[in-house]
Amino acid sequence: MIAFVIANGTSRLGFNLRQLIGLGPIYGCNALYREYAPNYDLPNYLIAIDDGMIEEIRNSDFPKNRFIVPPLSERWEPKECNPNQPRSNAGMNAMIEAIRHGATTVIGLGFDFMLNDVGQSVSNVYDGTIN
């Protein structure tokens, strides 16, 4: 099964995510749900790991059965990968959830932290908004 994980780097701007409907489940991160209110046809699943974002989504009308909050222990990088255990990110947690749901191929959009461009690597579609 193919799944799509949509992060919020600015590289995804201009891509119509509705083109993905029917190709596989779409996992969104954090504030992505705001773009699809009030019908929430996307994302199929929404993942958040930061307390403020979790509270915002829980207080919204996004369908609760499609909102995934990973256990606290999974919101940090594993000690075997990094003994300092820095914070993970919603995109990586969304990939884990897609795999748990049976995805054998995961396609990501908007994972700009992987880019060499210093400005774009820290850009976010929701810069300047709460949470």
N, C-alpha and C. Protein backbone atom coordinates (compact mmCIF):
# COMPACT_ATOMS: atom_id res chain seq x y z
N MET A 1 0.83 -1.18 0.00
CA MET A 1 0.00 0.00 0.00
C MET A 1 0.88 1.24 0.00
N ILE A 2 0.49 2.21 -0.78
CA ILE A 2 1.17 3.51 -0.81
C ILE A 2 0.46 4.45 0.16
N ALA A 3 1.23 5.23 0.88
CA ALA A 3 0.69 6.28 1.75
C ALA A 3 1.47 7.56 1.47
N PHE A 4 0.83 8.67 1.71
CA PHE A 4 1.45 9.98 1.51
C PHE A 4 1.53 10.68 2.85
N VAL A 5 2.70 11.25 3.14
CA VAL A 5 2.88 12.03 4.37
C VAL A 5 3.18 13.46 3.94
N ILE A 6 2.35 14.36 4.41
CA ILE A 6 2.46 15.76 4.02
C ILE A 6 2.99 16.57 5.20
N ALA A 7 4.24 17.02 5.05
CA ALA A 7 4.83 17.90 6.05
C ALA A 7 4.53 19.34 5.62
N ASN A 8 5.05 20.30 6.34
CA ASN A 8 4.63 21.67 6.09
C ASN A 8 5.74 22.61 5.64
N GLY A 9 6.77 22.06 5.01
CA GLY A 9 7.78 22.90 4.39
C GLY A 9 7.18 23.62 3.19
N THR A 10 7.73 24.78 2.88
CA THR A 10 7.16 25.59 1.80
C THR A 10 7.32 24.96 0.42
N SER A 11 8.11 23.92 0.29
CA SER A 11 8.26 23.28 -1.01
C SER A 11 6.96 22.63 -1.49
N ARG A 12 6.02 22.39 -0.58
CA ARG A 12 4.76 21.78 -0.99
C ARG A 12 3.74 22.80 -1.49
N LEU A 13 4.03 24.08 -1.31
CA LEU A 13 3.10 25.11 -1.78
C LEU A 13 2.91 24.98 -3.28
N GLY A 14 1.69 25.13 -3.71
CA GLY A 14 1.39 25.03 -5.13
C GLY A 14 1.02 23.63 -5.58
N PHE A 15 1.22 22.63 -4.71
CA PHE A 15 0.84 21.27 -5.05
C PHE A 15 -0.57 21.03 -4.53
N ASN A 16 -1.48 20.64 -5.41
CA ASN A 16 -2.86 20.39 -5.03
C ASN A 16 -2.95 19.00 -4.40
N LEU A 17 -3.04 18.96 -3.09
CA LEU A 17 -3.06 17.69 -2.37
C LEU A 17 -4.29 16.85 -2.71
N ARG A 18 -5.34 17.48 -3.17
CA ARG A 18 -6.54 16.71 -3.53
C ARG A 18 -6.27 15.77 -4.71
N GLN A 19 -5.21 16.02 -5.46
CA GLN A 19 -4.83 15.11 -6.54
C GLN A 19 -4.46 13.73 -6.01
N LEU A 20 -4.14 13.65 -4.75
CA LEU A 20 -3.72 12.38 -4.14
C LEU A 20 -4.90 11.54 -3.64
N ILE A 21 -6.07 12.14 -3.54
CA ILE A 21 -7.23 11.42 -3.03
C ILE A 21 -7.49 10.19 -3.89
N GLY A 22 -7.62 9.05 -3.22
CA GLY A 22 -7.88 7.79 -3.89
C GLY A 22 -6.62 6.99 -4.24
N LEU A 23 -5.45 7.61 -4.09
CA LEU A 23 -4.20 6.91 -4.41
C LEU A 23 -3.61 6.19 -3.21
N GLY A 24 -4.06 6.56 -2.05
CA GLY A 24 -3.57 5.98 -0.79
C GLY A 24 -3.89 6.94 0.33
N PRO A 25 -3.84 6.47 1.57
CA PRO A 25 -4.14 7.36 2.69
C PRO A 25 -3.15 8.51 2.76
N ILE A 26 -3.67 9.65 3.20
CA ILE A 26 -2.87 10.87 3.31
C ILE A 26 -2.75 11.22 4.78
N TYR A 27 -1.51 11.29 5.25
CA TYR A 27 -1.20 11.62 6.63
C TYR A 27 -0.66 13.05 6.66
N GLY A 28 -1.34 13.90 7.40
CA GLY A 28 -0.92 15.29 7.49
C GLY A 28 -0.31 15.59 8.83
N CYS A 29 0.41 16.69 8.88
CA CYS A 29 1.11 17.09 10.09
C CYS A 29 0.59 18.43 10.60
N ASN A 30 0.36 18.46 11.88
CA ASN A 30 0.09 19.69 12.60
C ASN A 30 -1.05 20.50 11.99
N ALA A 31 -0.80 21.72 11.59
CA ALA A 31 -1.84 22.66 11.19
C ALA A 31 -2.39 22.42 9.78
N LEU A 32 -1.98 21.37 9.10
CA LEU A 32 -2.49 21.11 7.75
C LEU A 32 -4.02 21.08 7.73
N TYR A 33 -4.62 20.59 8.77
CA TYR A 33 -6.08 20.47 8.82
C TYR A 33 -6.78 21.80 8.59
N ARG A 34 -6.13 22.91 8.97
CA ARG A 34 -6.74 24.24 8.83
C ARG A 34 -7.14 24.53 7.38
N GLU A 35 -6.35 24.02 6.44
CA GLU A 35 -6.60 24.29 5.03
C GLU A 35 -7.83 23.58 4.50
N TYR A 36 -8.34 22.61 5.23
CA TYR A 36 -9.44 21.78 4.71
C TYR A 36 -10.71 21.88 5.55
N ALA A 37 -10.76 22.89 6.43
CA ALA A 37 -11.98 23.15 7.20
C ALA A 37 -13.02 23.76 6.27
N PRO A 38 -14.28 23.57 6.48
CA PRO A 38 -14.89 22.81 7.56
C PRO A 38 -15.19 21.36 7.21
N ASN A 39 -14.95 20.94 5.97
CA ASN A 39 -15.33 19.59 5.56
C ASN A 39 -14.28 18.53 5.91
N TYR A 40 -13.03 18.92 5.99
CA TYR A 40 -11.92 18.03 6.35
C TYR A 40 -11.86 16.78 5.46
N ASP A 41 -11.94 16.99 4.14
CA ASP A 41 -11.75 15.85 3.24
C ASP A 41 -10.29 15.40 3.26
N LEU A 42 -9.41 16.24 3.73
CA LEU A 42 -8.00 15.93 3.92
C LEU A 42 -7.57 16.50 5.26
N PRO A 43 -6.57 15.93 5.84
CA PRO A 43 -5.95 14.64 5.55
C PRO A 43 -6.80 13.50 6.11
N ASN A 44 -6.48 12.29 5.67
CA ASN A 44 -7.18 11.12 6.22
C ASN A 44 -6.83 10.92 7.68
N TYR A 45 -5.57 11.23 8.01
CA TYR A 45 -5.08 11.16 9.39
C TYR A 45 -4.24 12.39 9.64
N LEU A 46 -4.29 12.89 10.86
CA LEU A 46 -3.53 14.06 11.25
C LEU A 46 -2.70 13.70 12.46
N ILE A 47 -1.41 14.06 12.42
CA ILE A 47 -0.49 13.72 13.50
C ILE A 47 0.12 15.00 14.06
N ALA A 48 0.20 15.08 15.38
CA ALA A 48 0.87 16.20 16.05
C ALA A 48 1.59 15.67 17.27
N ILE A 49 2.73 16.30 17.60
CA ILE A 49 3.49 15.86 18.78
C ILE A 49 3.76 16.98 19.77
N ASP A 50 3.48 18.22 19.39
CA ASP A 50 3.73 19.35 20.28
C ASP A 50 2.46 19.70 21.06
N ASP A 51 2.62 19.96 22.35
CA ASP A 51 1.46 20.16 23.22
C ASP A 51 0.50 21.24 22.73
N GLY A 52 1.02 22.38 22.29
CA GLY A 52 0.16 23.46 21.83
C GLY A 52 -0.66 23.07 20.61
N MET A 53 -0.02 22.38 19.67
CA MET A 53 -0.71 21.94 18.46
C MET A 53 -1.73 20.87 18.79
N ILE A 54 -1.37 19.96 19.69
CA ILE A 54 -2.30 18.91 20.11
C ILE A 54 -3.55 19.54 20.72
N GLU A 55 -3.36 20.51 21.58
CA GLU A 55 -4.51 21.16 22.22
C GLU A 55 -5.36 21.89 21.17
N GLU A 56 -4.72 22.59 20.24
CA GLU A 56 -5.47 23.28 19.19
C GLU A 56 -6.35 22.31 18.41
N ILE A 57 -5.78 21.20 17.99
CA ILE A 57 -6.53 20.23 17.19
C ILE A 57 -7.65 19.61 18.02
N ARG A 58 -7.35 19.25 19.25
CA ARG A 58 -8.39 18.66 20.12
C ARG A 58 -9.56 19.62 20.33
N ASN A 59 -9.27 20.92 20.34
CA ASN A 59 -10.31 21.93 20.53
C ASN A 59 -10.99 22.32 19.22
N SER A 60 -10.53 21.77 18.10
CA SER A 60 -11.14 22.07 16.81
C SER A 60 -12.24 21.05 16.53
N ASP A 61 -12.85 21.18 15.35
CA ASP A 61 -13.86 20.19 14.97
C ASP A 61 -13.31 19.15 14.00
N PHE A 62 -11.96 19.05 13.91
CA PHE A 62 -11.36 17.99 13.11
C PHE A 62 -11.79 16.65 13.72
N PRO A 63 -12.18 15.67 12.89
CA PRO A 63 -12.66 14.39 13.42
C PRO A 63 -11.66 13.71 14.37
N LYS A 64 -12.09 13.47 15.57
CA LYS A 64 -11.21 12.91 16.61
C LYS A 64 -10.69 11.52 16.24
N ASN A 65 -11.46 10.74 15.50
CA ASN A 65 -11.03 9.39 15.14
C ASN A 65 -9.96 9.39 14.05
N ARG A 66 -9.65 10.55 13.50
CA ARG A 66 -8.59 10.66 12.49
C ARG A 66 -7.38 11.43 13.01
N PHE A 67 -7.40 11.80 14.28
CA PHE A 67 -6.31 12.53 14.90
C PHE A 67 -5.47 11.58 15.73
N ILE A 68 -4.18 11.54 15.45
CA ILE A 68 -3.26 10.62 16.13
C ILE A 68 -2.23 11.42 16.92
N VAL A 69 -2.18 11.15 18.22
CA VAL A 69 -1.16 11.71 19.08
C VAL A 69 -0.28 10.55 19.52
N PRO A 70 0.95 10.49 19.03
CA PRO A 70 1.83 9.39 19.43
C PRO A 70 2.11 9.42 20.93
N PRO A 71 2.40 8.26 21.50
CA PRO A 71 2.76 8.23 22.93
C PRO A 71 3.96 9.16 23.18
N LEU A 72 4.02 9.72 24.36
CA LEU A 72 5.09 10.66 24.70
C LEU A 72 6.47 10.08 24.40
N SER A 73 6.66 8.81 24.66
CA SER A 73 7.97 8.19 24.43
C SER A 73 8.38 8.21 22.96
N GLU A 74 7.41 8.28 22.05
CA GLU A 74 7.72 8.30 20.61
C GLU A 74 7.91 9.71 20.06
N ARG A 75 7.71 10.70 20.89
CA ARG A 75 7.86 12.08 20.43
C ARG A 75 9.30 12.57 20.54
N TRP A 76 10.19 11.69 20.93
CA TRP A 76 11.61 11.99 21.07
C TRP A 76 12.38 10.94 20.27
N GLU A 77 13.52 11.32 19.75
CA GLU A 77 14.33 10.35 19.02
C GLU A 77 14.79 9.25 19.97
N PRO A 78 14.86 8.01 19.48
CA PRO A 78 15.30 6.91 20.35
C PRO A 78 16.73 7.12 20.86
N LYS A 79 16.98 6.71 22.09
CA LYS A 79 18.32 6.85 22.68
C LYS A 79 19.38 6.15 21.84
N GLU A 80 19.02 5.01 21.21
CA GLU A 80 20.02 4.30 20.42
C GLU A 80 20.43 5.07 19.18
N CYS A 81 19.59 6.02 18.73
CA CYS A 81 19.94 6.87 17.58
C CYS A 81 20.67 8.13 18.02
N ASN A 82 20.30 8.63 19.19
CA ASN A 82 20.92 9.84 19.71
C ASN A 82 20.74 9.85 21.22
N PRO A 83 21.82 9.68 21.97
CA PRO A 83 21.71 9.58 23.43
C PRO A 83 21.13 10.84 24.07
N ASN A 84 21.18 11.98 23.38
CA ASN A 84 20.61 13.22 23.92
C ASN A 84 19.10 13.29 23.75
N GLN A 85 18.55 12.39 22.97
CA GLN A 85 17.12 12.29 22.69
C GLN A 85 16.47 13.63 22.34
N PRO A 86 16.88 14.24 21.23
CA PRO A 86 16.19 15.47 20.83
C PRO A 86 14.76 15.19 20.40
N ARG A 87 13.97 16.25 20.34
CA ARG A 87 12.57 16.15 19.94
C ARG A 87 12.50 15.58 18.52
N SER A 88 11.55 14.70 18.29
CA SER A 88 11.29 14.19 16.95
C SER A 88 10.49 15.26 16.21
N ASN A 89 9.83 14.90 15.14
CA ASN A 89 8.96 15.85 14.45
C ASN A 89 7.72 15.11 13.96
N ALA A 90 6.67 15.85 13.73
CA ALA A 90 5.39 15.23 13.35
C ALA A 90 5.51 14.44 12.05
N GLY A 91 6.35 14.88 11.13
CA GLY A 91 6.52 14.17 9.86
C GLY A 91 7.07 12.76 10.05
N MET A 92 8.07 12.62 10.88
CA MET A 92 8.63 11.30 11.14
C MET A 92 7.61 10.43 11.87
N ASN A 93 6.88 11.02 12.81
CA ASN A 93 5.84 10.26 13.50
C ASN A 93 4.71 9.87 12.55
N ALA A 94 4.40 10.71 11.59
CA ALA A 94 3.37 10.38 10.59
C ALA A 94 3.83 9.20 9.73
N MET A 95 5.11 9.16 9.40
CA MET A 95 5.63 8.02 8.62
C MET A 95 5.50 6.73 9.42
N ILE A 96 5.81 6.79 10.70
CA ILE A 96 5.66 5.61 11.57
C ILE A 96 4.21 5.14 11.57
N GLU A 97 3.28 6.07 11.68
CA GLU A 97 1.86 5.70 11.69
C GLU A 97 1.43 5.09 10.36
N ALA A 98 1.91 5.63 9.26
CA ALA A 98 1.58 5.07 7.94
C ALA A 98 2.06 3.63 7.85
N ILE A 99 3.26 3.37 8.32
CA ILE A 99 3.81 2.01 8.30
C ILE A 99 2.99 1.09 9.22
N ARG A 100 2.61 1.60 10.38
CA ARG A 100 1.77 0.81 11.29
C ARG A 100 0.44 0.43 10.64
N HIS A 101 -0.05 1.31 9.79
CA HIS A 101 -1.32 1.06 9.10
C HIS A 101 -1.16 0.20 7.85
N GLY A 102 0.07 -0.28 7.58
CA GLY A 102 0.27 -1.21 6.48
C GLY A 102 0.94 -0.65 5.25
N ALA A 103 1.37 0.59 5.28
CA ALA A 103 2.04 1.16 4.11
C ALA A 103 3.37 0.46 3.88
N THR A 104 3.62 0.12 2.63
CA THR A 104 4.91 -0.46 2.24
C THR A 104 5.73 0.54 1.44
N THR A 105 5.07 1.57 0.94
CA THR A 105 5.73 2.69 0.26
C THR A 105 5.16 3.97 0.86
N VAL A 106 6.05 4.85 1.31
CA VAL A 106 5.63 6.12 1.89
C VAL A 106 6.27 7.24 1.08
N ILE A 107 5.43 8.12 0.56
CA ILE A 107 5.90 9.26 -0.24
C ILE A 107 5.68 10.52 0.59
N GLY A 108 6.73 11.30 0.75
CA GLY A 108 6.66 12.52 1.55
C GLY A 108 6.74 13.77 0.72
N LEU A 109 5.98 14.77 1.10
CA LEU A 109 6.04 16.10 0.51
C LEU A 109 6.25 17.11 1.62
N GLY A 110 7.03 18.13 1.34
CA GLY A 110 7.21 19.22 2.29
C GLY A 110 8.18 18.95 3.41
N PHE A 111 9.07 17.99 3.24
CA PHE A 111 10.10 17.70 4.25
C PHE A 111 11.33 18.55 3.97
N ASP A 112 11.20 19.85 4.12
CA ASP A 112 12.25 20.77 3.71
C ASP A 112 13.47 20.77 4.61
N PHE A 113 13.34 20.24 5.83
CA PHE A 113 14.50 20.21 6.73
C PHE A 113 15.65 19.41 6.12
N MET A 114 15.36 18.64 5.10
CA MET A 114 16.38 17.83 4.45
C MET A 114 17.11 18.58 3.33
N LEU A 115 16.67 19.79 3.02
CA LEU A 115 17.27 20.57 1.93
C LEU A 115 18.55 21.26 2.39
N ASN A 116 19.45 21.49 1.45
CA ASN A 116 20.69 22.20 1.76
C ASN A 116 20.51 23.70 1.86
N ASP A 117 19.44 24.25 1.32
CA ASP A 117 19.15 25.67 1.37
C ASP A 117 18.79 26.04 2.81
N VAL A 118 19.64 26.83 3.45
CA VAL A 118 19.47 27.15 4.86
C VAL A 118 18.14 27.83 5.13
N GLY A 119 17.74 28.76 4.29
CA GLY A 119 16.48 29.46 4.49
C GLY A 119 15.28 28.54 4.32
N GLN A 120 15.28 27.78 3.24
CA GLN A 120 14.12 26.92 2.99
C GLN A 120 14.09 25.74 3.94
N SER A 121 15.22 25.28 4.41
CA SER A 121 15.23 24.10 5.28
C SER A 121 14.51 24.34 6.60
N VAL A 122 14.34 25.59 7.00
CA VAL A 122 13.62 25.90 8.24
C VAL A 122 12.30 26.62 7.96
N SER A 123 11.93 26.72 6.69
CA SER A 123 10.68 27.39 6.35
C SER A 123 9.49 26.49 6.71
N ASN A 124 8.36 27.13 6.91
CA ASN A 124 7.15 26.40 7.25
C ASN A 124 5.96 27.17 6.68
N VAL A 125 5.03 26.43 6.10
CA VAL A 125 3.85 27.03 5.53
C VAL A 125 3.13 27.90 6.56
N TYR A 126 3.20 27.55 7.82
CA TYR A 126 2.43 28.22 8.85
C TYR A 126 3.27 29.19 9.69
N ASP A 127 4.46 29.57 9.20
CA ASP A 127 5.25 30.58 9.91
C ASP A 127 4.40 31.79 10.23
N GLY A 128 4.51 32.27 11.44
CA GLY A 128 3.78 33.47 11.84
C GLY A 128 2.40 33.19 12.42
N THR A 129 1.99 31.91 12.45
CA THR A 129 0.69 31.58 13.05
C THR A 129 0.94 30.93 14.41
N ILE A 130 -0.11 30.85 15.19
CA ILE A 130 -0.01 30.23 16.51
C ILE A 130 0.30 28.74 16.37
N ASN A 131 1.04 28.22 17.29
CA ASN A 131 1.43 26.81 17.37
C ASN A 131 2.28 26.41 16.19
